[in-house]
C-alpha atoms as a PDB file:
ATOM      1  CA  MET A   1       5.121  11.930  10.290  1.00  0.00           C
ATOM      2  CA  LYS A   2       8.633  13.095   9.374  1.00  0.00           C
ATOM      3  CA  ARG A   3      10.063   9.921  10.897  1.00  0.00           C
ATOM      4  CA  LYS A   4       7.805   7.744   8.707  1.00  0.00           C
ATOM      5  CA  THR A   5       8.734   9.747   5.610  1.00  0.00           C
ATOM      6  CA  SER A   6      12.450   9.378   6.388  1.00  0.00           C
ATOM      7  CA  LEU A   7      12.012   5.636   6.885  1.00  0.00           C
ATOM      8  CA  ARG A   8      10.251   5.298   3.516  1.00  0.00           C
ATOM      9  CA  ILE A   9      13.019   7.252   1.801  1.00  0.00           C
ATOM     10  CA  TYR A  10      15.656   5.071   3.455  1.00  0.00           C
ATOM     11  CA  ILE A  11      13.868   1.856   2.430  1.00  0.00           C
ATOM     12  CA  ALA A  12      13.378   3.123  -1.133  1.00  0.00           C
ATOM     13  CA  PHE A  13      17.068   4.049  -1.356  1.00  0.00           C
ATOM     14  CA  LEU A  14      18.090   0.634  -0.030  1.00  0.00           C
ATOM     15  CA  LEU A  15      15.869  -1.132  -2.568  1.00  0.00           C
ATOM     16  CA  ILE A  16      17.361   0.925  -5.418  1.00  0.00           C
ATOM     17  CA  VAL A  17      20.894   0.051  -4.281  1.00  0.00           C
ATOM     18  CA  LEU A  18      20.007  -3.644  -4.094  1.00  0.00           C
ATOM     19  CA  LEU A  19      18.376  -3.513  -7.534  1.00  0.00           C
ATOM     20  CA  VAL A  20      21.407  -1.805  -9.090  1.00  0.00           C
ATOM     21  CA  PHE A  21      23.696  -4.406  -7.504  1.00  0.00           C
ATOM     22  CA  TYR A  22      21.555  -7.223  -8.891  1.00  0.00           C
ATOM     23  CA  VAL A  23      21.311  -5.690 -12.379  1.00  0.00           C
ATOM     24  CA  PHE A  24      25.065  -5.047 -12.723  1.00  0.00           C
ATOM     25  CA  ASP A  25      26.266  -8.028 -10.685  1.00  0.00           C
ATOM     26  CA  THR A  26      29.641  -9.267 -11.994  1.00  0.00           C
ATOM     27  CA  ARG A  27      30.341 -11.916  -9.374  1.00  0.00           C
ATOM     28  CA  LEU A  28      31.602 -15.154 -10.887  1.00  0.00           C
ATOM     29  CA  LEU A  29      28.864 -17.652 -11.718  1.00  0.00           C
ATOM     30  CA  CYS A  30      29.682 -21.348 -12.157  1.00  0.00           C
ATOM     31  CA  VAL A  31      27.402 -23.151 -14.609  1.00  0.00           C
ATOM     32  CA  GLN A  32      27.400 -26.907 -15.087  1.00  0.00           C
ATOM     33  CA  TYR A  33      26.012 -28.873 -18.043  1.00  0.00           C
ATOM     34  CA  GLU A  34      25.583 -32.632 -18.104  1.00  0.00           C
ATOM     35  CA  PHE A  35      25.186 -34.871 -21.154  1.00  0.00           C
ATOM     36  CA  ASP A  36      24.677 -38.577 -21.669  1.00  0.00           C
ATOM     37  CA  SER A  37      26.363 -40.314 -24.593  1.00  0.00           C
ATOM     38  CA  PRO A  38      26.308 -43.970 -25.651  1.00  0.00           C
ATOM     39  CA  LYS A  39      29.986 -43.504 -26.575  1.00  0.00           C
ATOM     40  CA  VAL A  40      30.951 -42.839 -22.955  1.00  0.00           C
ATOM     41  CA  ASP A  41      31.203 -45.538 -20.290  1.00  0.00           C
ATOM     42  CA  LYS A  42      33.145 -43.520 -17.730  1.00  0.00           C
ATOM     43  CA  GLU A  43      32.520 -39.933 -16.753  1.00  0.00           C
ATOM     44  CA  LEU A  44      34.443 -37.121 -18.490  1.00  0.00           C
ATOM     45  CA  ARG A  45      34.773 -33.676 -16.893  1.00  0.00           C
ATOM     46  CA  PHE A  46      35.833 -30.453 -18.613  1.00  0.00           C
ATOM     47  CA  ALA A  47      36.209 -26.793 -17.598  1.00  0.00           C
ATOM     48  CA  VAL A  48      35.615 -24.020 -20.146  1.00  0.00           C
ATOM     49  CA  VAL A  49      37.338 -20.621 -19.931  1.00  0.00           C
ATOM     50  CA  ALA A  50      35.812 -18.378 -22.600  1.00  0.00           C
ATOM     51  CA  ASP A  51      36.399 -14.701 -23.379  1.00  0.00           C
ATOM     52  CA  LEU A  52      38.602 -13.965 -20.384  1.00  0.00           C
ATOM     53  CA  HIS A  53      40.065 -10.926 -22.191  1.00  0.00           C
ATOM     54  CA  SER A  54      42.778 -10.943 -19.504  1.00  0.00           C
ATOM     55  CA  CYS A  55      40.269  -9.738 -16.891  1.00  0.00           C
ATOM     56  CA  SER A  56      41.040 -10.095 -13.190  1.00  0.00           C
ATOM     57  CA  TYR A  57      39.367 -12.498 -10.777  1.00  0.00           C
ATOM     58  CA  GLY A  58      41.238 -11.728  -7.594  1.00  0.00           C
ATOM     59  CA  THR A  59      44.858 -12.096  -6.586  1.00  0.00           C
ATOM     60  CA  ARG A  60      46.533 -14.663  -8.826  1.00  0.00           C
ATOM     61  CA  GLN A  61      43.093 -15.276 -10.396  1.00  0.00           C
ATOM     62  CA  HIS A  62      42.209 -17.211  -7.230  1.00  0.00           C
ATOM     63  CA  ARG A  63      38.425 -17.125  -7.771  1.00  0.00           C
ATOM     64  CA  LEU A  64      38.758 -18.945 -11.097  1.00  0.00           C
ATOM     65  CA  VAL A  65      41.506 -21.271  -9.911  1.00  0.00           C
ATOM     66  CA  LYS A  66      39.601 -22.266  -6.768  1.00  0.00           C
ATOM     67  CA  GLU A  67      36.505 -23.325  -8.716  1.00  0.00           C
ATOM     68  CA  ILE A  68      38.466 -25.193 -11.382  1.00  0.00           C
ATOM     69  CA  GLU A  69      40.504 -27.061  -8.794  1.00  0.00           C
ATOM     70  CA  LYS A  70      37.343 -27.967  -6.895  1.00  0.00           C
ATOM     71  CA  TYR A  71      35.734 -29.410 -10.047  1.00  0.00           C
ATOM     72  CA  SER A  72      38.941 -31.331 -10.925  1.00  0.00           C
ATOM     73  CA  PRO A  73      38.411 -31.513 -14.715  1.00  0.00           C
ATOM     74  CA  ASP A  74      40.137 -33.926 -17.076  1.00  0.00           C
ATOM     75  CA  ALA A  75      41.036 -30.926 -19.263  1.00  0.00           C
ATOM     76  CA  VAL A  76      40.583 -27.149 -19.389  1.00  0.00           C
ATOM     77  CA  PHE A  77      39.445 -25.587 -22.680  1.00  0.00           C
ATOM     78  CA  LEU A  78      40.390 -21.986 -23.536  1.00  0.00           C
ATOM     79  CA  VAL A  79      37.891 -21.203 -26.291  1.00  0.00           C
ATOM     80  CA  GLY A  80      39.098 -17.886 -27.683  1.00  0.00           C
ATOM     81  CA  ASP A  81      39.690 -14.283 -26.619  1.00  0.00           C
ATOM     82  CA  PHE A  82      41.699 -15.580 -23.696  1.00  0.00           C
ATOM     83  CA  PHE A  83      43.929 -12.559 -24.359  1.00  0.00           C
ATOM     84  CA  ASP A  84      42.665  -9.091 -25.339  1.00  0.00           C
ATOM     85  CA  ASP A  85      43.591  -6.691 -28.137  1.00  0.00           C
ATOM     86  CA  VAL A  86      43.927  -3.709 -25.735  1.00  0.00           C
ATOM     87  CA  LYS A  87      44.341  -4.902 -22.147  1.00  0.00           C
ATOM     88  CA  GLU A  88      47.751  -6.157 -21.019  1.00  0.00           C
ATOM     89  CA  ASP A  89      48.249  -9.934 -20.852  1.00  0.00           C
ATOM     90  CA  GLU A  90      48.927 -10.086 -17.110  1.00  0.00           C
ATOM     91  CA  GLY A  91      45.584 -11.655 -16.135  1.00  0.00           C
ATOM     92  CA  SER A  92      45.834 -14.330 -18.817  1.00  0.00           C
ATOM     93  CA  ILE A  93      49.461 -15.237 -18.092  1.00  0.00           C
ATOM     94  CA  CYS A  94      48.735 -15.423 -14.382  1.00  0.00           C
ATOM     95  CA  LEU A  95      45.922 -17.915 -14.990  1.00  0.00           C
ATOM     96  CA  LEU A  96      48.186 -20.049 -17.186  1.00  0.00           C
ATOM     97  CA  GLN A  97      50.726 -20.142 -14.391  1.00  0.00           C
ATOM     98  CA  GLU A  98      48.144 -21.131 -11.787  1.00  0.00           C
ATOM     99  CA  LEU A  99      46.635 -23.863 -13.997  1.00  0.00           C
ATOM    100  CA  SER A 100      49.971 -25.422 -14.936  1.00  0.00           C
ATOM    101  CA  GLY A 101      48.922 -28.723 -13.377  1.00  0.00           C
ATOM    102  CA  PHE A 102      46.037 -29.187 -15.827  1.00  0.00           C
ATOM    103  CA  ASP A 103      45.943 -30.180 -19.492  1.00  0.00           C
ATOM    104  CA  LEU A 104      45.123 -26.936 -21.338  1.00  0.00           C
ATOM    105  CA  TYR A 105      43.778 -26.637 -24.912  1.00  0.00           C
ATOM    106  CA  TYR A 106      43.359 -23.352 -26.773  1.00  0.00           C
ATOM    107  CA  VAL A 107      41.684 -21.965 -29.884  1.00  0.00           C
ATOM    108  CA  SER A 108      41.968 -18.359 -31.034  1.00  0.00           C
ATOM    109  CA  GLY A 109      39.358 -15.610 -30.846  1.00  0.00           C
ATOM    110  CA  ASN A 110      38.706 -12.523 -32.946  1.00  0.00           C
ATOM    111  CA  HIS A 111      40.214 -10.009 -30.497  1.00  0.00           C
ATOM    112  CA  GLU A 112      43.473 -11.922 -30.446  1.00  0.00           C
ATOM    113  CA  TRP A 113      43.763 -11.655 -34.232  1.00  0.00           C
ATOM    114  CA  TRP A 114      42.812  -7.973 -34.049  1.00  0.00           C
ATOM    115  CA  SER A 115      45.694  -7.373 -31.627  1.00  0.00           C
ATOM    116  CA  GLY A 116      48.256  -8.018 -34.370  1.00  0.00           C
ATOM    117  CA  ARG A 117      50.136 -10.181 -31.843  1.00  0.00           C
ATOM    118  CA  MET A 118      48.556 -13.563 -32.554  1.00  0.00           C
ATOM    119  CA  TYR A 119      51.783 -15.415 -33.232  1.00  0.00           C
ATOM    120  CA  GLU A 120      53.371 -13.839 -30.164  1.00  0.00           C
ATOM    121  CA  MET A 121      50.436 -15.203 -28.175  1.00  0.00           C
ATOM    122  CA  PHE A 122      50.891 -18.645 -29.713  1.00  0.00           C
ATOM    123  CA  ASP A 123      54.496 -18.551 -28.481  1.00  0.00           C
ATOM    124  CA  ARG A 124      53.445 -17.540 -24.952  1.00  0.00           C
ATOM    125  CA  LEU A 125      50.927 -20.380 -24.819  1.00  0.00           C
ATOM    126  CA  LYS A 126      53.614 -22.838 -25.918  1.00  0.00           C
ATOM    127  CA  GLU A 127      55.859 -21.640 -23.068  1.00  0.00           C
ATOM    128  CA  TYR A 128      53.179 -22.821 -20.630  1.00  0.00           C
ATOM    129  CA  GLU A 129      52.665 -26.130 -22.454  1.00  0.00           C
ATOM    130  CA  VAL A 130      49.206 -25.185 -23.719  1.00  0.00           C
ATOM    131  CA  ILE A 131      48.137 -27.176 -26.780  1.00  0.00           C
ATOM    132  CA  THR A 132      47.002 -24.806 -29.542  1.00  0.00           C
ATOM    133  CA  LEU A 133      44.557 -26.400 -31.986  1.00  0.00           C
ATOM    134  CA  ARG A 134      44.343 -25.070 -35.566  1.00  0.00           C
ATOM    135  CA  GLY A 135      42.416 -27.770 -37.366  1.00  0.00           C
ATOM    136  CA  ASP A 136      44.174 -30.356 -35.216  1.00  0.00           C
ATOM    137  CA  THR A 137      42.731 -33.290 -33.280  1.00  0.00           C
ATOM    138  CA  CYS A 138      44.097 -34.943 -30.148  1.00  0.00           C
ATOM    139  CA  PHE A 139      42.998 -38.431 -29.058  1.00  0.00           C
ATOM    140  CA  PHE A 140      42.981 -39.450 -25.397  1.00  0.00           C
ATOM    141  CA  GLU A 141      42.316 -42.309 -23.047  1.00  0.00           C
ATOM    142  CA  ILE A 142      41.486 -41.389 -19.453  1.00  0.00           C
ATOM    143  CA  ASN A 143      40.604 -44.155 -17.005  1.00  0.00           C
ATOM    144  CA  GLY A 144      39.902 -46.424 -19.946  1.00  0.00           C
ATOM    145  CA  GLN A 145      37.613 -43.906 -21.672  1.00  0.00           C
ATOM    146  CA  ASN A 146      38.504 -42.743 -25.209  1.00  0.00           C
ATOM    147  CA  PHE A 147      37.618 -39.286 -26.545  1.00  0.00           C
ATOM    148  CA  SER A 148      38.984 -36.691 -28.936  1.00  0.00           C
ATOM    149  CA  VAL A 149      39.389 -32.908 -28.845  1.00  0.00           C
ATOM    150  CA  SER A 150      39.609 -30.862 -32.055  1.00  0.00           C
ATOM    151  CA  GLY A 151      39.932 -27.124 -32.428  1.00  0.00           C
ATOM    152  CA  ILE A 152      39.795 -24.441 -35.097  1.00  0.00           C
ATOM    153  CA  ASP A 153      40.833 -20.796 -35.282  1.00  0.00           C
ATOM    154  CA  ASP A 154      38.427 -17.884 -35.227  1.00  0.00           C
ATOM    155  CA  PRO A 155      37.311 -16.953 -38.780  1.00  0.00           C
ATOM    156  CA  GLN A 156      39.457 -13.803 -38.506  1.00  0.00           C
ATOM    157  CA  THR A 157      42.368 -16.055 -39.399  1.00  0.00           C
ATOM    158  CA  ASP A 158      41.113 -15.772 -42.994  1.00  0.00           C
ATOM    159  CA  VAL A 159      41.739 -12.013 -42.833  1.00  0.00           C
ATOM    160  CA  TYR A 160      45.009 -11.922 -40.898  1.00  0.00           C
ATOM    161  CA  ASP A 161      46.831 -15.112 -41.898  1.00  0.00           C
ATOM    162  CA  ASP A 162      46.890 -16.224 -45.537  1.00  0.00           C
ATOM    163  CA  SER A 163      49.854 -18.533 -44.898  1.00  0.00           C
ATOM    164  CA  PHE A 164      47.788 -21.140 -43.067  1.00  0.00           C
ATOM    165  CA  LEU A 165      44.591 -23.162 -43.541  1.00  0.00           C
ATOM    166  CA  ASN A 166      41.476 -20.991 -43.621  1.00  0.00           C
ATOM    167  CA  TRP A 167      38.524 -21.512 -41.263  1.00  0.00           C
ATOM    168  CA  SER A 168      36.604 -23.881 -43.543  1.00  0.00           C
ATOM    169  CA  GLU A 169      39.703 -25.922 -44.314  1.00  0.00           C
ATOM    170  CA  GLN A 170      40.483 -26.269 -40.617  1.00  0.00           C
ATOM    171  CA  LEU A 171      36.924 -27.422 -39.886  1.00  0.00           C
ATOM    172  CA  GLU A 172      37.084 -29.944 -42.728  1.00  0.00           C
ATOM    173  CA  LYS A 173      40.422 -31.292 -41.502  1.00  0.00           C
ATOM    174  CA  ALA A 174      39.133 -31.631 -37.937  1.00  0.00           C
ATOM    175  CA  SER A 175      35.873 -33.228 -39.105  1.00  0.00           C
ATOM    176  CA  GLU A 176      37.694 -35.836 -41.180  1.00  0.00           C
ATOM    177  CA  SER A 177      39.713 -36.899 -38.138  1.00  0.00           C
ATOM    178  CA  THR A 178      36.687 -37.898 -36.032  1.00  0.00           C
ATOM    179  CA  GLU A 179      36.099 -41.580 -35.364  1.00  0.00           C
ATOM    180  CA  LYS A 180      32.593 -43.021 -35.284  1.00  0.00           C
ATOM    181  CA  ASN A 181      32.763 -44.730 -31.892  1.00  0.00           C
ATOM    182  CA  VAL A 182      34.906 -42.122 -30.105  1.00  0.00           C
ATOM    183  CA  PHE A 183      33.242 -39.208 -28.290  1.00  0.00           C
ATOM    184  CA  SER A 184      34.394 -36.086 -30.167  1.00  0.00           C
ATOM    185  CA  ILE A 185      34.623 -32.466 -29.039  1.00  0.00           C
ATOM    186  CA  LEU A 186      35.172 -29.383 -31.213  1.00  0.00           C
ATOM    187  CA  LEU A 187      36.459 -26.122 -29.740  1.00  0.00           C
ATOM    188  CA  SER A 188      35.471 -23.111 -31.850  1.00  0.00           C
ATOM    189  CA  HIS A 189      35.147 -19.510 -30.677  1.00  0.00           C
ATOM    190  CA  ARG A 190      32.103 -18.668 -32.821  1.00  0.00           C
ATOM    191  CA  PRO A 191      28.719 -20.132 -31.810  1.00  0.00           C
ATOM    192  CA  GLU A 192      26.685 -18.921 -34.786  1.00  0.00           C
ATOM    193  CA  LYS A 193      28.254 -21.295 -37.346  1.00  0.00           C
ATOM    194  CA  THR A 194      25.642 -23.921 -36.528  1.00  0.00           C
ATOM    195  CA  SER A 195      24.917 -24.993 -40.114  1.00  0.00           C
ATOM    196  CA  GLU A 196      28.574 -26.013 -40.450  1.00  0.00           C
ATOM    197  CA  TYR A 197      28.796 -27.638 -37.022  1.00  0.00           C
ATOM    198  CA  LYS A 198      25.726 -29.841 -37.224  1.00  0.00           C
ATOM    199  CA  ASP A 199      27.014 -31.713 -40.280  1.00  0.00           C
ATOM    200  CA  ALA A 200      30.653 -31.967 -39.157  1.00  0.00           C
ATOM    201  CA  GLY A 201      30.264 -35.168 -37.132  1.00  0.00           C
ATOM    202  CA  PHE A 202      31.144 -33.901 -33.656  1.00  0.00           C
ATOM    203  CA  ASP A 203      29.263 -34.965 -30.554  1.00  0.00           C
ATOM    204  CA  LEU A 204      29.884 -31.690 -28.713  1.00  0.00           C
ATOM    205  CA  VAL A 205      30.855 -28.185 -29.865  1.00  0.00           C
ATOM    206  CA  ILE A 206      32.015 -25.614 -27.285  1.00  0.00           C
ATOM    207  CA  SER A 207      32.008 -21.872 -28.061  1.00  0.00           C
ATOM    208  CA  GLY A 208      31.993 -18.390 -26.522  1.00  0.00           C
ATOM    209  CA  HIS A 209      32.151 -14.990 -28.298  1.00  0.00           C
ATOM    210  CA  ALA A 210      28.536 -13.868 -27.686  1.00  0.00           C
ATOM    211  CA  HIS A 211      29.173 -12.554 -24.135  1.00  0.00           C
ATOM    212  CA  GLY A 212      25.655 -13.648 -23.213  1.00  0.00           C
ATOM    213  CA  GLY A 213      24.138 -10.965 -25.426  1.00  0.00           C
ATOM    214  CA  GLN A 214      25.559  -8.396 -22.944  1.00  0.00           C
ATOM    215  CA  PHE A 215      22.087  -7.249 -21.762  1.00  0.00           C
ATOM    216  CA  ARG A 216      19.609  -9.865 -20.531  1.00  0.00           C
ATOM    217  CA  VAL A 217      16.116  -9.879 -19.059  1.00  0.00           C
ATOM    218  CA  PRO A 218      15.690 -13.007 -16.932  1.00  0.00           C
ATOM    219  CA  TYR A 219      13.034 -15.430 -18.267  1.00  0.00           C
ATOM    220  CA  ILE A 220      12.210 -13.008 -21.111  1.00  0.00           C
ATOM    221  CA  LEU A 221      15.291 -12.150 -23.187  1.00  0.00           C
ATOM    222  CA  ASN A 222      18.343 -14.416 -23.248  1.00  0.00           C
ATOM    223  CA  GLY A 223      20.493 -11.691 -24.787  1.00  0.00           C
ATOM    224  CA  LEU A 224      19.983  -8.307 -26.423  1.00  0.00           C
ATOM    225  CA  TYR A 225      22.835  -8.246 -28.950  1.00  0.00           C
ATOM    226  CA  ALA A 226      25.770 -10.454 -29.906  1.00  0.00           C
ATOM    227  CA  PRO A 227      28.468  -9.904 -32.529  1.00  0.00           C
ATOM    228  CA  ASN A 228      27.815 -11.743 -35.798  1.00  0.00           C
ATOM    229  CA  GLN A 229      24.276 -12.596 -34.629  1.00  0.00           C
ATOM    230  CA  GLY A 230      22.727  -9.167 -34.175  1.00  0.00           C
ATOM    231  CA  PHE A 231      19.753  -8.423 -31.917  1.00  0.00           C
ATOM    232  CA  ALA A 232      18.039 -11.144 -29.863  1.00  0.00           C
ATOM    233  CA  PRO A 233      20.774 -13.684 -30.679  1.00  0.00           C
ATOM    234  CA  LYS A 234      19.690 -17.296 -30.655  1.00  0.00           C
ATOM    235  CA  TYR A 235      23.040 -18.585 -29.405  1.00  0.00           C
ATOM    236  CA  ALA A 236      23.865 -16.056 -26.672  1.00  0.00           C
ATOM    237  CA  GLY A 237      24.594 -18.597 -23.978  1.00  0.00           C
ATOM    238  CA  GLY A 238      23.401 -22.007 -22.869  1.00  0.00           C
ATOM    239  CA  GLN A 239      23.086 -25.473 -24.369  1.00  0.00           C
ATOM    240  CA  TYR A 240      21.541 -26.203 -27.759  1.00  0.00           C
ATOM    241  CA  ASP A 241      20.622 -29.285 -29.761  1.00  0.00           C
ATOM    242  CA  LEU A 242      21.919 -29.349 -33.350  1.00  0.00           C
ATOM    243  CA  GLY A 243      20.537 -32.734 -34.266  1.00  0.00           C
ATOM    244  CA  GLY A 244      23.219 -35.258 -33.410  1.00  0.00           C
ATOM    245  CA  THR A 245      25.496 -32.520 -32.056  1.00  0.00           C
ATOM    246  CA  LYS A 246      25.258 -30.638 -28.759  1.00  0.00           C
ATOM    247  CA  LEU A 247      26.391 -27.004 -28.649  1.00  0.00           C
ATOM    248  CA  VAL A 248      27.438 -25.307 -25.406  1.00  0.00           C
ATOM    249  CA  VAL A 249      27.927 -21.530 -25.523  1.00  0.00           C
ATOM    250  CA  SER A 250      29.615 -19.857 -22.568  1.00  0.00           C
ATOM    251  CA  ARG A 251      28.542 -16.332 -21.620  1.00  0.00           C
ATOM    252  CA  GLY A 252      32.213 -15.635 -21.024  1.00  0.00           C
ATOM    253  CA  LEU A 253      34.292 -13.953 -18.355  1.00  0.00           C
ATOM    254  CA  ALA A 254      34.916 -10.477 -19.807  1.00  0.00           C
ATOM    255  CA  LYS A 255      33.874  -7.665 -17.499  1.00  0.00           C
ATOM    256  CA  GLU A 256      36.164  -4.617 -17.146  1.00  0.00           C
ATOM    257  CA  THR A 257      37.147  -4.828 -20.829  1.00  0.00           C
ATOM    258  CA  THR A 258      33.614  -4.518 -22.236  1.00  0.00           C
ATOM    259  CA  ARG A 259      32.472  -1.177 -23.650  1.00  0.00           C
ATOM    260  CA  LEU A 260      29.042  -1.628 -22.068  1.00  0.00           C
ATOM    261  CA  PRO A 261      28.329  -3.159 -18.642  1.00  0.00           C
ATOM    262  CA  ARG A 262      26.871  -6.645 -18.300  1.00  0.00           C
ATOM    263  CA  VAL A 263      23.179  -6.389 -17.356  1.00  0.00           C
ATOM    264  CA  PHE A 264      21.527  -9.357 -15.596  1.00  0.00           C
ATOM    265  CA  ASN A 265      24.433 -11.258 -17.127  1.00  0.00           C
ATOM    266  CA  ARG A 266      27.002 -12.475 -14.632  1.00  0.00           C
ATOM    267  CA  PRO A 267      30.334 -13.678 -16.063  1.00  0.00           C
ATOM    268  CA  GLU A 268      30.414 -17.450 -16.060  1.00  0.00           C
ATOM    269  CA  LEU A 269      32.834 -20.311 -15.729  1.00  0.00           C
ATOM    270  CA  VAL A 270      31.411 -23.390 -17.453  1.00  0.00           C
ATOM    271  CA  PHE A 271      31.824 -27.005 -16.418  1.00  0.00           C
ATOM    272  CA  ILE A 272      30.723 -29.916 -18.606  1.00  0.00           C
ATOM    273  CA  THR A 273      30.193 -33.487 -17.459  1.00  0.00           C
ATOM    274  CA  VAL A 274      29.689 -36.244 -20.048  1.00  0.00           C
ATOM    275  CA  LYS A 275      28.311 -39.539 -18.753  1.00  0.00           C
END
């Protein structure tokens, strides 16, 4: 009888441990989205690094680097909060060093403006030949396929930098640069600005910021709370249709920097294929 009781206790303990591991699992998750576009004849491939907050993914960020190299993207997009306002920059700089062979494009996030070191960060990015987009648009041709990438600052630029274009002005400038027959991408940290995005003329908008709503309940609740969206955020993470515009929201890579643990919400590295 005692042996049976001990076995039940052991099994119950093991199940609790497994459940806790599953609930608070922070192993890297790779998520891939695919889109068809009549503007694309040859496949385009992009990697999205969102909300890294300088967090660590192994020695020399090898877990991130390995997956990105395996996917072999045409460009890597850093969509805000790549650096943190508290944590040292080591994790972010290390990733820049390891991804030096890729074309890197960056837009700012709110935590970077909060740090008070935004222009210092711009300088560090320039050292590693990262293209910073602040209302700018870059046009490309890869394997005969044309596309464009635009980017805008986080809206906190309106608070911390009155010497430059504000958020709305940057979006307007980027929108005006799109060309009708060229597949166009907008990088913008904030996902909730959907009313502005859907009328801006972009084919694809890529965002982060929401951290997946931090707490999730699989198949029931996509996210409990996200900044600037509140409870049960609509744009916590995933792909969304904004009429003629697709929106992809990464759940981000922040883990040890978050005040609350991620629940049923593994940090994710996003890959996008356009066909």
